Amino acid sequence: MVYAAIGGRQLKRWSGWFTIILPTLRVLKAAKKTDGCLKAETYKAGDVCFAVSVWESVEQMKAFARGGLHATLTQVAMDEMAMFYSHTQAVEEVPTRQACTQAWHDAIATRGGKGTLGYFKR
């Protein structure tokens, strides 16, 4: 069993790319170097930008999320996003992009489209 953290966001404006997406690349690069991280990537599917990391344990995932670059990005990013929701789930193996995208869409649908910040808009 491994643990996937799937963050999906919609930006308020294109300039958010510079303040969120570029720093996200640095965060994912740091995650890849962290013990317990099996996968870390970002991609766009439809009008949602995703950041996905897969971990050997929940404790390793949470430790990374609370510290360093990830914590800094979290504080800065909220002003640039129209919508954000992070979904975490246990999976049998490292999921594909398609599986992550589907899991995120299923999770936000159960919330009526309400993210941690804003509402998901198609």
PDB file of N, CA and C in Angstrom:
ATOM      1  N   MET A   1       0.847  -1.172   0.000  1.00  0.00           N
ATOM      2  CA  MET A   1       0.000   0.000   0.000  1.00  0.00           C
ATOM      3  C   MET A   1       0.898   1.244   0.000  1.00  0.00           C
ATOM      4  N   VAL A   2       0.562   2.206  -0.870  1.00  0.00           N
ATOM      5  CA  VAL A   2       1.244   3.491  -0.910  1.00  0.00           C
ATOM      6  C   VAL A   2       0.187   4.587  -0.822  1.00  0.00           C
ATOM      7  N   TYR A   3       0.617   5.825  -0.672  1.00  0.00           N
ATOM      8  CA  TYR A   3      -0.303   6.933  -0.440  1.00  0.00           C
ATOM      9  C   TYR A   3      -0.077   8.029  -1.472  1.00  0.00           C
ATOM     10  N   ALA A   4      -1.155   8.388  -2.168  1.00  0.00           N
ATOM     11  CA  ALA A   4      -1.091   9.412  -3.209  1.00  0.00           C
ATOM     12  C   ALA A   4      -1.718  10.707  -2.706  1.00  0.00           C
ATOM     13  N   ALA A   5      -0.982  11.777  -2.854  1.00  0.00           N
ATOM     14  CA  ALA A   5      -1.492  13.124  -2.569  1.00  0.00           C
ATOM     15  C   ALA A   5      -1.706  13.798  -3.916  1.00  0.00           C
ATOM     16  N   ILE A   6      -2.954  14.169  -4.207  1.00  0.00           N
ATOM     17  CA  ILE A   6      -3.326  14.710  -5.509  1.00  0.00           C
ATOM     18  C   ILE A   6      -3.911  16.101  -5.303  1.00  0.00           C
ATOM     19  N   GLY A   7      -3.148  17.103  -5.648  1.00  0.00           N
ATOM     20  CA  GLY A   7      -3.611  18.476  -5.507  1.00  0.00           C
ATOM     21  C   GLY A   7      -4.036  19.027  -6.852  1.00  0.00           C
ATOM     22  N   GLY A   8      -5.257  19.553  -6.916  1.00  0.00           N
ATOM     23  CA  GLY A   8      -5.759  20.154  -8.149  1.00  0.00           C
ATOM     24  C   GLY A   8      -6.089  21.608  -7.911  1.00  0.00           C
ATOM     25  N   ARG A   9      -5.734  22.462  -8.872  1.00  0.00           N
ATOM     26  CA  ARG A   9      -5.969  23.889  -8.712  1.00  0.00           C
ATOM     27  C   ARG A   9      -6.361  24.534 -10.036  1.00  0.00           C
ATOM     28  N   GLN A  10      -7.163  25.557  -9.912  1.00  0.00           N
ATOM     29  CA  GLN A  10      -7.475  26.428 -11.032  1.00  0.00           C
ATOM     30  C   GLN A  10      -6.972  27.807 -10.640  1.00  0.00           C
ATOM     31  N   LEU A  11      -6.254  28.443 -11.537  1.00  0.00           N
ATOM     32  CA  LEU A  11      -5.657  29.743 -11.245  1.00  0.00           C
ATOM     33  C   LEU A  11      -6.640  30.876 -11.524  1.00  0.00           C
ATOM     34  N   LYS A  12      -6.476  31.977 -10.789  1.00  0.00           N
ATOM     35  CA  LYS A  12      -7.316  33.162 -11.012  1.00  0.00           C
ATOM     36  C   LYS A  12      -6.966  33.811 -12.344  1.00  0.00           C
ATOM     37  N   ARG A  13      -5.677  33.832 -12.660  1.00  0.00           N
ATOM     38  CA  ARG A  13      -5.193  34.500 -13.877  1.00  0.00           C
ATOM     39  C   ARG A  13      -3.918  33.801 -14.342  1.00  0.00           C
ATOM     40  N   TRP A  14      -3.553  34.013 -15.591  1.00  0.00           N
ATOM     41  CA  TRP A  14      -2.387  33.332 -16.154  1.00  0.00           C
ATOM     42  C   TRP A  14      -1.098  33.674 -15.426  1.00  0.00           C
ATOM     43  N   SER A  15      -1.015  34.850 -14.840  1.00  0.00           N
ATOM     44  CA  SER A  15       0.222  35.241 -14.140  1.00  0.00           C
ATOM     45  C   SER A  15       0.481  34.362 -12.912  1.00  0.00           C
ATOM     46  N   GLY A  16      -0.561  33.672 -12.436  1.00  0.00           N
ATOM     47  CA  GLY A  16      -0.391  32.743 -11.330  1.00  0.00           C
ATOM     48  C   GLY A  16       0.558  31.613 -11.674  1.00  0.00           C
ATOM     49  N   TRP A  17       0.736  31.376 -12.971  1.00  0.00           N
ATOM     50  CA  TRP A  17       1.664  30.342 -13.407  1.00  0.00           C
ATOM     51  C   TRP A  17       3.045  30.597 -12.822  1.00  0.00           C
ATOM     52  N   PHE A  18       3.469  31.856 -12.809  1.00  0.00           N
ATOM     53  CA  PHE A  18       4.806  32.187 -12.320  1.00  0.00           C
ATOM     54  C   PHE A  18       4.921  32.066 -10.798  1.00  0.00           C
ATOM     55  N   THR A  19       3.855  32.394 -10.086  1.00  0.00           N
ATOM     56  CA  THR A  19       3.922  32.378  -8.620  1.00  0.00           C
ATOM     57  C   THR A  19       3.520  31.042  -8.013  1.00  0.00           C
ATOM     58  N   ILE A  20       2.884  30.176  -8.804  1.00  0.00           N
ATOM     59  CA  ILE A  20       2.469  28.875  -8.264  1.00  0.00           C
ATOM     60  C   ILE A  20       3.127  27.710  -9.004  1.00  0.00           C
ATOM     61  N   ILE A  21       2.980  27.660 -10.300  1.00  0.00           N
ATOM     62  CA  ILE A  21       3.424  26.481 -11.041  1.00  0.00           C
ATOM     63  C   ILE A  21       4.943  26.357 -11.039  1.00  0.00           C
ATOM     64  N   LEU A  22       5.651  27.423 -11.295  1.00  0.00           N
ATOM     65  CA  LEU A  22       7.121  27.332 -11.270  1.00  0.00           C
ATOM     66  C   LEU A  22       7.638  26.918  -9.890  1.00  0.00           C
ATOM     67  N   PRO A  23       7.161  27.527  -8.802  1.00  0.00           N
ATOM     68  CA  PRO A  23       7.594  27.054  -7.482  1.00  0.00           C
ATOM     69  C   PRO A  23       7.164  25.605  -7.207  1.00  0.00           C
ATOM     70  N   THR A  24       6.015  25.196  -7.745  1.00  0.00           N
ATOM     71  CA  THR A  24       5.571  23.817  -7.571  1.00  0.00           C
ATOM     72  C   THR A  24       6.594  22.852  -8.162  1.00  0.00           C
ATOM     73  N   LEU A  25       7.186  23.220  -9.273  1.00  0.00           N
ATOM     74  CA  LEU A  25       8.219  22.373  -9.874  1.00  0.00           C
ATOM     75  C   LEU A  25       9.395  22.190  -8.920  1.00  0.00           C
ATOM     76  N   ARG A  26       9.771  23.248  -8.222  1.00  0.00           N
ATOM     77  CA  ARG A  26      10.864  23.145  -7.243  1.00  0.00           C
ATOM     78  C   ARG A  26      10.458  22.268  -6.057  1.00  0.00           C
ATOM     79  N   VAL A  27       9.219  22.400  -5.613  1.00  0.00           N
ATOM     80  CA  VAL A  27       8.730  21.580  -4.503  1.00  0.00           C
ATOM     81  C   VAL A  27       8.746  20.103  -4.896  1.00  0.00           C
ATOM     82  N   LEU A  28       8.284  19.791  -6.105  1.00  0.00           N
ATOM     83  CA  LEU A  28       8.249  18.400  -6.539  1.00  0.00           C
ATOM     84  C   LEU A  28       9.660  17.838  -6.730  1.00  0.00           C
ATOM     85  N   LYS A  29      10.569  18.668  -7.174  1.00  0.00           N
ATOM     86  CA  LYS A  29      11.970  18.243  -7.294  1.00  0.00           C
ATOM     87  C   LYS A  29      12.522  17.891  -5.909  1.00  0.00           C
ATOM     88  N   ALA A  30      12.199  18.703  -4.910  1.00  0.00           N
ATOM     89  CA  ALA A  30      12.627  18.422  -3.533  1.00  0.00           C
ATOM     90  C   ALA A  30      11.967  17.147  -3.013  1.00  0.00           C
ATOM     91  N   ALA A  31      10.695  16.945  -3.346  1.00  0.00           N
ATOM     92  CA  ALA A  31       9.991  15.741  -2.903  1.00  0.00           C
ATOM     93  C   ALA A  31      10.674  14.496  -3.452  1.00  0.00           C
ATOM     94  N   LYS A  32      11.067  14.536  -4.722  1.00  0.00           N
ATOM     95  CA  LYS A  32      11.707  13.385  -5.355  1.00  0.00           C
ATOM     96  C   LYS A  32      12.983  12.964  -4.626  1.00  0.00           C
ATOM     97  N   LYS A  33      13.618  13.921  -3.967  1.00  0.00           N
ATOM     98  CA  LYS A  33      14.874  13.649  -3.245  1.00  0.00           C
ATOM     99  C   LYS A  33      14.627  13.227  -1.799  1.00  0.00           C
ATOM    100  N   THR A  34      13.377  13.204  -1.381  1.00  0.00           N
ATOM    101  CA  THR A  34      13.025  12.905   0.004  1.00  0.00           C
ATOM    102  C   THR A  34      12.769  11.404   0.180  1.00  0.00           C
ATOM    103  N   ASP A  35      13.310  10.853   1.257  1.00  0.00           N
ATOM    104  CA  ASP A  35      13.072   9.439   1.553  1.00  0.00           C
ATOM    105  C   ASP A  35      11.577   9.149   1.602  1.00  0.00           C
ATOM    106  N   GLY A  36      11.181   8.099   0.947  1.00  0.00           N
ATOM    107  CA  GLY A  36       9.787   7.683   0.980  1.00  0.00           C
ATOM    108  C   GLY A  36       8.955   8.154  -0.192  1.00  0.00           C
ATOM    109  N   CYS A  37       9.474   9.108  -0.978  1.00  0.00           N
ATOM    110  CA  CYS A  37       8.719   9.603  -2.132  1.00  0.00           C
ATOM    111  C   CYS A  37       8.989   8.694  -3.331  1.00  0.00           C
ATOM    112  N   LEU A  38       7.933   8.141  -3.888  1.00  0.00           N
ATOM    113  CA  LEU A  38       8.040   7.224  -5.019  1.00  0.00           C
ATOM    114  C   LEU A  38       7.788   7.908  -6.358  1.00  0.00           C
ATOM    115  N   LYS A  39       7.058   9.030  -6.317  1.00  0.00           N
ATOM    116  CA  LYS A  39       6.712   9.756  -7.544  1.00  0.00           C
ATOM    117  C   LYS A  39       6.329  11.171  -7.167  1.00  0.00           C
ATOM    118  N   ALA A  40       6.703  12.120  -7.994  1.00  0.00           N
ATOM    119  CA  ALA A  40       6.273  13.506  -7.808  1.00  0.00           C
ATOM    120  C   ALA A  40       6.266  14.166  -9.183  1.00  0.00           C
ATOM    121  N   GLU A  41       5.122  14.688  -9.561  1.00  0.00           N
ATOM    122  CA  GLU A  41       5.019  15.316 -10.874  1.00  0.00           C
ATOM    123  C   GLU A  41       3.891  16.336 -10.895  1.00  0.00           C
ATOM    124  N   THR A  42       3.920  17.177 -11.911  1.00  0.00           N
ATOM    125  CA  THR A  42       2.838  18.126 -12.142  1.00  0.00           C
ATOM    126  C   THR A  42       2.407  17.983 -13.596  1.00  0.00           C
ATOM    127  N   TYR A  43       1.141  18.218 -13.853  1.00  0.00           N
ATOM    128  CA  TYR A  43       0.611  18.143 -15.203  1.00  0.00           C
ATOM    129  C   TYR A  43      -0.724  18.876 -15.234  1.00  0.00           C
ATOM    130  N   LYS A  44      -1.198  19.139 -16.442  1.00  0.00           N
ATOM    131  CA  LYS A  44      -2.486  19.805 -16.614  1.00  0.00           C
ATOM    132  C   LYS A  44      -3.432  18.827 -17.301  1.00  0.00           C
ATOM    133  N   ALA A  45      -4.638  18.734 -16.786  1.00  0.00           N
ATOM    134  CA  ALA A  45      -5.685  17.912 -17.396  1.00  0.00           C
ATOM    135  C   ALA A  45      -6.934  18.772 -17.464  1.00  0.00           C
ATOM    136  N   GLY A  46      -7.351  19.095 -18.669  1.00  0.00           N
ATOM    137  CA  GLY A  46      -8.474  20.014 -18.824  1.00  0.00           C
ATOM    138  C   GLY A  46      -8.070  21.386 -18.312  1.00  0.00           C
ATOM    139  N   ASP A  47      -8.890  21.958 -17.454  1.00  0.00           N
ATOM    140  CA  ASP A  47      -8.575  23.285 -16.924  1.00  0.00           C
ATOM    141  C   ASP A  47      -8.072  23.217 -15.475  1.00  0.00           C
ATOM    142  N   VAL A  48      -7.558  22.070 -15.082  1.00  0.00           N
ATOM    143  CA  VAL A  48      -7.027  21.890 -13.735  1.00  0.00           C
ATOM    144  C   VAL A  48      -5.538  21.558 -13.813  1.00  0.00           C
ATOM    145  N   CYS A  49      -4.743  22.247 -13.012  1.00  0.00           N
ATOM    146  CA  CYS A  49      -3.321  21.935 -12.886  1.00  0.00           C
ATOM    147  C   CYS A  49      -3.166  21.012 -11.676  1.00  0.00           C
ATOM    148  N   PHE A  50      -2.510  19.884 -11.893  1.00  0.00           N
ATOM    149  CA  PHE A  50      -2.336  18.899 -10.833  1.00  0.00           C
ATOM    150  C   PHE A  50      -0.893  18.812 -10.376  1.00  0.00           C
ATOM    151  N   ALA A  51      -0.720  18.562  -9.091  1.00  0.00           N
ATOM    152  CA  ALA A  51       0.566  18.189  -8.519  1.00  0.00           C
ATOM    153  C   ALA A  51       0.304  16.897  -7.751  1.00  0.00           C
ATOM    154  N   VAL A  52       1.068  15.871  -8.067  1.00  0.00           N
ATOM    155  CA  VAL A  52       0.864  14.554  -7.481  1.00  0.00           C
ATOM    156  C   VAL A  52       2.161  14.071  -6.851  1.00  0.00           C
ATOM    157  N   SER A  53       2.052  13.562  -5.652  1.00  0.00           N
ATOM    158  CA  SER A  53       3.197  12.872  -5.051  1.00  0.00           C
ATOM    159  C   SER A  53       2.681  11.570  -4.438  1.00  0.00           C
ATOM    160  N   VAL A  54       3.522  10.548  -4.508  1.00  0.00           N
ATOM    161  CA  VAL A  54       3.165   9.233  -3.992  1.00  0.00           C
ATOM    162  C   VAL A  54       4.228   8.830  -2.979  1.00  0.00           C
ATOM    163  N   TRP A  55       3.764   8.364  -1.818  1.00  0.00           N
ATOM    164  CA  TRP A  55       4.645   8.121  -0.681  1.00  0.00           C
ATOM    165  C   TRP A  55       4.505   6.715  -0.129  1.00  0.00           C
ATOM    166  N   GLU A  56       5.587   6.230   0.467  1.00  0.00           N
ATOM    167  CA  GLU A  56       5.573   4.924   1.115  1.00  0.00           C
ATOM    168  C   GLU A  56       4.717   4.935   2.376  1.00  0.00           C
ATOM    169  N   SER A  57       4.645   6.077   3.067  1.00  0.00           N
ATOM    170  CA  SER A  57       3.849   6.147   4.290  1.00  0.00           C
ATOM    171  C   SER A  57       3.193   7.516   4.429  1.00  0.00           C
ATOM    172  N   VAL A  58       2.104   7.544   5.166  1.00  0.00           N
ATOM    173  CA  VAL A  58       1.399   8.797   5.451  1.00  0.00           C
ATOM    174  C   VAL A  58       2.303   9.728   6.255  1.00  0.00           C
ATOM    175  N   GLU A  59       3.071   9.164   7.172  1.00  0.00           N
ATOM    176  CA  GLU A  59       3.953   9.991   8.016  1.00  0.00           C
ATOM    177  C   GLU A  59       4.995  10.724   7.177  1.00  0.00           C
ATOM    178  N   GLN A  60       5.582  10.043   6.197  1.00  0.00           N
ATOM    179  CA  GLN A  60       6.570  10.686   5.323  1.00  0.00           C
ATOM    180  C   GLN A  60       5.910  11.787   4.496  1.00  0.00           C
ATOM    181  N   MET A  61       4.715  11.509   4.008  1.00  0.00           N
ATOM    182  CA  MET A  61       3.984  12.487   3.214  1.00  0.00           C
ATOM    183  C   MET A  61       3.674  13.734   4.042  1.00  0.00           C
ATOM    184  N   LYS A  62       3.158  13.543   5.240  1.00  0.00           N
ATOM    185  CA  LYS A  62       2.798  14.676   6.092  1.00  0.00           C
ATOM    186  C   LYS A  62       4.027  15.462   6.531  1.00  0.00           C
ATOM    187  N   ALA A  63       5.116  14.787   6.820  1.00  0.00           N
ATOM    188  CA  ALA A  63       6.342  15.474   7.231  1.00  0.00           C
ATOM    189  C   ALA A  63       6.827  16.389   6.113  1.00  0.00           C
ATOM    190  N   PHE A  64       6.780  15.914   4.881  1.00  0.00           N
ATOM    191  CA  PHE A  64       7.208  16.745   3.757  1.00  0.00           C
ATOM    192  C   PHE A  64       6.258  17.933   3.578  1.00  0.00           C
ATOM    193  N   ALA A  65       4.954  17.679   3.667  1.00  0.00           N
ATOM    194  CA  ALA A  65       3.954  18.732   3.446  1.00  0.00           C
ATOM    195  C   ALA A  65       4.055  19.857   4.474  1.00  0.00           C
ATOM    196  N   ARG A  66       4.470  19.548   5.668  1.00  0.00           N
ATOM    197  CA  ARG A  66       4.521  20.554   6.743  1.00  0.00           C
ATOM    198  C   ARG A  66       5.792  21.406   6.729  1.00  0.00           C
ATOM    199  N   GLY A  67       6.780  21.015   5.984  1.00  0.00           N
ATOM    200  CA  GLY A  67       8.050  21.720   6.102  1.00  0.00           C
ATOM    201  C   GLY A  67       8.578  22.269   4.798  1.00  0.00           C
ATOM    202  N   GLY A  68       9.663  23.013   4.926  1.00  0.00           N
ATOM    203  CA  GLY A  68      10.441  23.485   3.790  1.00  0.00           C
ATOM    204  C   GLY A  68       9.663  24.217   2.724  1.00  0.00           C
ATOM    205  N   LEU A  69      10.022  23.896   1.489  1.00  0.00           N
ATOM    206  CA  LEU A  69       9.448  24.569   0.328  1.00  0.00           C
ATOM    207  C   LEU A  69       7.931  24.380   0.225  1.00  0.00           C
ATOM    208  N   HIS A  70       7.438  23.215   0.564  1.00  0.00           N
ATOM    209  CA  HIS A  70       6.003  22.959   0.442  1.00  0.00           C
ATOM    210  C   HIS A  70       5.204  23.894   1.347  1.00  0.00           C
ATOM    211  N   ALA A  71       5.642  24.048   2.586  1.00  0.00           N
ATOM    212  CA  ALA A  71       4.933  24.928   3.522  1.00  0.00           C
ATOM    213  C   ALA A  71       4.955  26.375   3.036  1.00  0.00           C
ATOM    214  N   THR A  72       6.092  26.795   2.502  1.00  0.00           N
ATOM    215  CA  THR A  72       6.221  28.158   1.981  1.00  0.00           C
ATOM    216  C   THR A  72       5.296  28.375   0.791  1.00  0.00           C
ATOM    217  N   LEU A  73       5.275  27.438  -0.134  1.00  0.00           N
ATOM    218  CA  LEU A  73       4.422  27.553  -1.312  1.00  0.00           C
ATOM    219  C   LEU A  73       2.953  27.613  -0.912  1.00  0.00           C
ATOM    220  N   THR A  74       2.557  26.810   0.048  1.00  0.00           N
ATOM    221  CA  THR A  74       1.168  26.787   0.504  1.00  0.00           C
ATOM    222  C   THR A  74       0.725  28.158   0.986  1.00  0.00           C
ATOM    223  N   GLN A  75       1.578  28.843   1.704  1.00  0.00           N
ATOM    224  CA  GLN A  75       1.233  30.171   2.224  1.00  0.00           C
ATOM    225  C   GLN A  75       1.085  31.193   1.099  1.00  0.00           C
ATOM    226  N   VAL A  76       1.955  31.124   0.105  1.00  0.00           N
ATOM    227  CA  VAL A  76       1.961  32.100  -0.988  1.00  0.00           C
ATOM    228  C   VAL A  76       0.846  31.838  -1.996  1.00  0.00           C
ATOM    229  N   ALA A  77       0.556  30.585  -2.249  1.00  0.00           N
ATOM    230  CA  ALA A  77      -0.291  30.197  -3.371  1.00  0.00           C
ATOM    231  C   ALA A  77      -1.761  30.559  -3.238  1.00  0.00           C
ATOM    232  N   MET A  78      -2.286  30.612  -2.048  1.00  0.00           N
ATOM    233  CA  MET A  78      -3.726  30.805  -1.874  1.00  0.00           C
ATOM    234  C   MET A  78      -4.266  32.058  -2.563  1.00  0.00           C
ATOM    235  N   ASP A  79      -3.493  33.116  -2.605  1.00  0.00           N
ATOM    236  CA  ASP A  79      -3.959  34.357  -3.236  1.00  0.00           C
ATOM    237  C   ASP A  79      -4.068  34.254  -4.756  1.00  0.00           C
ATOM    238  N   GLU A  80      -3.376  33.292  -5.348  1.00  0.00           N
ATOM    239  CA  GLU A  80      -3.350  33.168  -6.807  1.00  0.00           C
ATOM    240  C   GLU A  80      -4.332  32.138  -7.359  1.00  0.00           C
ATOM    241  N   MET A  81      -4.977  31.391  -6.475  1.00  0.00           N
ATOM    242  CA  MET A  81      -5.844  30.315  -6.938  1.00  0.00           C
ATOM    243  C   MET A  81      -7.319  30.685  -6.828  1.00  0.00           C
ATOM    244  N   ALA A  82      -8.071  30.324  -7.860  1.00  0.00           N
ATOM    245  CA  ALA A  82      -9.519  30.484  -7.826  1.00  0.00           C
ATOM    246  C   ALA A  82     -10.139  29.284  -7.112  1.00  0.00           C
ATOM    247  N   MET A  83      -9.486  28.107  -7.244  1.00  0.00           N
ATOM    248  CA  MET A  83      -9.969  26.888  -6.630  1.00  0.00           C
ATOM    249  C   MET A  83      -8.778  26.001  -6.321  1.00  0.00           C
ATOM    250  N   PHE A  84      -8.847  25.314  -5.179  1.00  0.00           N
ATOM    251  CA  PHE A  84      -7.825  24.344  -4.808  1.00  0.00           C
ATOM    252  C   PHE A  84      -8.471  23.243  -3.974  1.00  0.00           C
ATOM    253  N   TYR A  85      -8.054  22.017  -4.242  1.00  0.00           N
ATOM    254  CA  TYR A  85      -8.461  20.897  -3.410  1.00  0.00           C
ATOM    255  C   TYR A  85      -7.386  19.826  -3.473  1.00  0.00           C
ATOM    256  N   SER A  86      -6.997  19.329  -2.327  1.00  0.00           N
ATOM    257  CA  SER A  86      -6.009  18.261  -2.242  1.00  0.00           C
ATOM    258  C   SER A  86      -6.686  17.005  -1.711  1.00  0.00           C
ATOM    259  N   HIS A  87      -6.523  15.942  -2.463  1.00  0.00           N
ATOM    260  CA  HIS A  87      -7.125  14.653  -2.114  1.00  0.00           C
ATOM    261  C   HIS A  87      -6.012  13.652  -1.853  1.00  0.00           C
ATOM    262  N   THR A  88      -6.103  12.923  -0.767  1.00  0.00           N
ATOM    263  CA  THR A  88      -5.124  11.895  -0.432  1.00  0.00           C
ATOM    264  C   THR A  88      -5.839  10.559  -0.301  1.00  0.00           C
ATOM    265  N   GLN A  89      -5.219   9.525  -0.863  1.00  0.00           N
ATOM    266  CA  GLN A  89      -5.819   8.202  -0.727  1.00  0.00           C
ATOM    267  C   GLN A  89      -4.760   7.116  -0.780  1.00  0.00           C
ATOM    268  N   ALA A  90      -5.075   6.009  -0.136  1.00  0.00           N
ATOM    269  CA  ALA A  90      -4.223   4.827  -0.188  1.00  0.00           C
ATOM    270  C   ALA A  90      -4.514   4.089  -1.488  1.00  0.00           C
ATOM    271  N   VAL A  91      -3.454   3.618  -2.134  1.00  0.00           N
ATOM    272  CA  VAL A  91      -3.586   2.878  -3.391  1.00  0.00           C
ATOM    273  C   VAL A  91      -2.647   1.674  -3.351  1.00  0.00           C
ATOM    274  N   GLU A  92      -2.941   0.694  -4.157  1.00  0.00           N
ATOM    275  CA  GLU A  92      -2.137  -0.530  -4.187  1.00  0.00           C
ATOM    276  C   GLU A  92      -0.772  -0.319  -4.837  1.00  0.00           C
ATOM    277  N   GLU A  93      -0.719   0.544  -5.852  1.00  0.00           N
ATOM    278  CA  GLU A  93       0.528   0.798  -6.576  1.00  0.00           C
ATOM    279  C   GLU A  93       0.556   2.242  -7.035  1.00  0.00           C
ATOM    280  N   VAL A  94       1.708   2.668  -7.507  1.00  0.00           N
ATOM    281  CA  VAL A  94       1.851   4.051  -7.975  1.00  0.00           C
ATOM    282  C   VAL A  94       0.860   4.271  -9.122  1.00  0.00           C
ATOM    283  N   PRO A  95      -0.060   5.228  -8.959  1.00  0.00           N
ATOM    284  CA  PRO A  95      -1.110   5.428  -9.966  1.00  0.00           C
ATOM    285  C   PRO A  95      -0.614   6.214 -11.189  1.00  0.00           C
ATOM    286  N   THR A  96      -1.321   6.012 -12.300  1.00  0.00           N
ATOM    287  CA  THR A  96      -1.055   6.766 -13.524  1.00  0.00           C
ATOM    288  C   THR A  96      -1.656   8.172 -13.393  1.00  0.00           C
ATOM    289  N   ARG A  97      -1.316   9.038 -14.314  1.00  0.00           N
ATOM    290  CA  ARG A  97      -1.927  10.376 -14.338  1.00  0.00           C
ATOM    291  C   ARG A  97      -3.440  10.271 -14.475  1.00  0.00           C
ATOM    292  N   GLN A  98      -3.890   9.380 -15.341  1.00  0.00           N
ATOM    293  CA  GLN A  98      -5.325   9.230 -15.574  1.00  0.00           C
ATOM    294  C   GLN A  98      -6.025   8.778 -14.289  1.00  0.00           C
ATOM    295  N   ALA A  99      -5.421   7.857 -13.563  1.00  0.00           N
ATOM    296  CA  ALA A  99      -6.022   7.378 -12.318  1.00  0.00           C
ATOM    297  C   ALA A  99      -6.060   8.494 -11.271  1.00  0.00           C
ATOM    298  N   CYS A 100      -5.000   9.297 -11.205  1.00  0.00           N
ATOM    299  CA  CYS A 100      -4.968  10.419 -10.251  1.00  0.00           C
ATOM    300  C   CYS A 100      -6.032  11.452 -10.596  1.00  0.00           C
ATOM    301  N   THR A 101      -6.127  11.780 -11.869  1.00  0.00           N
ATOM    302  CA  THR A 101      -7.116  12.758 -12.319  1.00  0.00           C
ATOM    303  C   THR A 101      -8.527  12.278 -11.991  1.00  0.00           C
ATOM    304  N   GLN A 102      -8.810  11.010 -12.267  1.00  0.00           N
ATOM    305  CA  GLN A 102     -10.140  10.459 -11.985  1.00  0.00           C
ATOM    306  C   GLN A 102     -10.423  10.451 -10.490  1.00  0.00           C
ATOM    307  N   ALA A 103      -9.443  10.052  -9.675  1.00  0.00           N
ATOM    308  CA  ALA A 103      -9.627  10.019  -8.213  1.00  0.00           C
ATOM    309  C   ALA A 103      -9.930  11.416  -7.690  1.00  0.00           C
ATOM    310  N   TRP A 104      -9.223  12.432  -8.209  1.00  0.00           N
ATOM    311  CA  TRP A 104      -9.448  13.806  -7.772  1.00  0.00           C
ATOM    312  C   TRP A 104     -10.852  14.272  -8.160  1.00  0.00           C
ATOM    313  N   HIS A 105     -11.243  14.019  -9.419  1.00  0.00           N
ATOM    314  CA  HIS A 105     -12.577  14.422  -9.867  1.00  0.00           C
ATOM    315  C   HIS A 105     -13.672  13.716  -9.065  1.00  0.00           C
ATOM    316  N   ASP A 106     -13.479  12.446  -8.774  1.00  0.00           N
ATOM    317  CA  ASP A 106     -14.459  11.716  -7.962  1.00  0.00           C
ATOM    318  C   ASP A 106     -14.559  12.328  -6.567  1.00  0.00           C
ATOM    319  N   ALA A 107     -13.400  12.651  -5.982  1.00  0.00           N
ATOM    320  CA  ALA A 107     -13.381  13.202  -4.620  1.00  0.00           C
ATOM    321  C   ALA A 107     -14.049  14.573  -4.560  1.00  0.00           C
ATOM    322  N   ILE A 108     -13.762  15.432  -5.522  1.00  0.00           N
ATOM    323  CA  ILE A 108     -14.352  16.774  -5.466  1.00  0.00           C
ATOM    324  C   ILE A 108     -15.846  16.710  -5.803  1.00  0.00           C
ATOM    325  N   ALA A 109     -16.243  15.749  -6.612  1.00  0.00           N
ATOM    326  CA  ALA A 109     -17.676  15.588  -6.909  1.00  0.00           C
ATOM    327  C   ALA A 109     -18.450  15.218  -5.644  1.00  0.00           C
ATOM    328  N   THR A 110     -17.855  14.407  -4.774  1.00  0.00           N
ATOM    329  CA  THR A 110     -18.541  14.032  -3.532  1.00  0.00           C
ATOM    330  C   THR A 110     -18.683  15.226  -2.598  1.00  0.00           C
ATOM    331  N   ARG A 111     -17.888  16.256  -2.835  1.00  0.00           N
ATOM    332  CA  ARG A 111     -17.964  17.490  -2.044  1.00  0.00           C
ATOM    333  C   ARG A 111     -18.841  18.539  -2.720  1.00  0.00           C
ATOM    334  N   GLY A 112     -19.548  18.161  -3.769  1.00  0.00           N
ATOM    335  CA  GLY A 112     -20.403  19.107  -4.474  1.00  0.00           C
ATOM    336  C   GLY A 112     -19.612  20.167  -5.219  1.00  0.00           C
ATOM    337  N   GLY A 113     -18.362  19.855  -5.581  1.00  0.00           N
ATOM    338  CA  GLY A 113     -17.519  20.796  -6.311  1.00  0.00           C
ATOM    339  C   GLY A 113     -16.799  21.792  -5.428  1.00  0.00           C
ATOM    340  N   LYS A 114     -17.010  21.705  -4.123  1.00  0.00           N
ATOM    341  CA  LYS A 114     -16.383  22.661  -3.209  1.00  0.00           C
ATOM    342  C   LYS A 114     -14.965  22.218  -2.867  1.00  0.00           C
ATOM    343  N   GLY A 115     -14.019  23.065  -3.179  1.00  0.00           N
ATOM    344  CA  GLY A 115     -12.631  22.800  -2.821  1.00  0.00           C
ATOM    345  C   GLY A 115     -12.323  23.360  -1.444  1.00  0.00           C
ATOM    346  N   THR A 116     -11.108  23.180  -1.016  1.00  0.00           N
ATOM    347  CA  THR A 116     -10.644  23.806   0.213  1.00  0.00           C
ATOM    348  C   THR A 116     -10.717  25.317   0.035  1.00  0.00           C
ATOM    349  N   LEU A 117     -10.489  25.737  -1.193  1.00  0.00           N
ATOM    350  CA  LEU A 117     -10.584  27.137  -1.592  1.00  0.00           C
ATOM    351  C   LEU A 117     -11.428  27.183  -2.858  1.00  0.00           C
ATOM    352  N   GLY A 118     -12.537  27.852  -2.824  1.00  0.00           N
ATOM    353  CA  GLY A 118     -13.367  28.052  -4.007  1.00  0.00           C
ATOM    354  C   GLY A 118     -14.098  26.817  -4.476  1.00  0.00           C
ATOM    355  N   TYR A 119     -14.768  26.970  -5.621  1.00  0.00           N
ATOM    356  CA  TYR A 119     -15.540  25.890  -6.244  1.00  0.00           C
ATOM    357  C   TYR A 119     -14.934  25.517  -7.574  1.00  0.00           C
ATOM    358  N   PHE A 120     -14.962  24.232  -7.886  1.00  0.00           N
ATOM    359  CA  PHE A 120     -14.462  23.713  -9.154  1.00  0.00           C
ATOM    360  C   PHE A 120     -15.397  24.144 -10.271  1.00  0.00           C
ATOM    361  N   LYS A 121     -14.821  24.698 -11.336  1.00  0.00           N
ATOM    362  CA  LYS A 121     -15.604  25.141 -12.481  1.00  0.00           C
ATOM    363  C   LYS A 121     -15.071  24.445 -13.732  1.00  0.00           C
ATOM    364  N   ARG A 122     -15.976  23.838 -14.442  1.00  0.00           N
ATOM    365  CA  ARG A 122     -15.595  23.177 -15.706  1.00  0.00           C
ATOM    366  C   ARG A 122     -15.661  24.146 -16.836  1.00  0.00           C
TER     367      ARG A 122
END
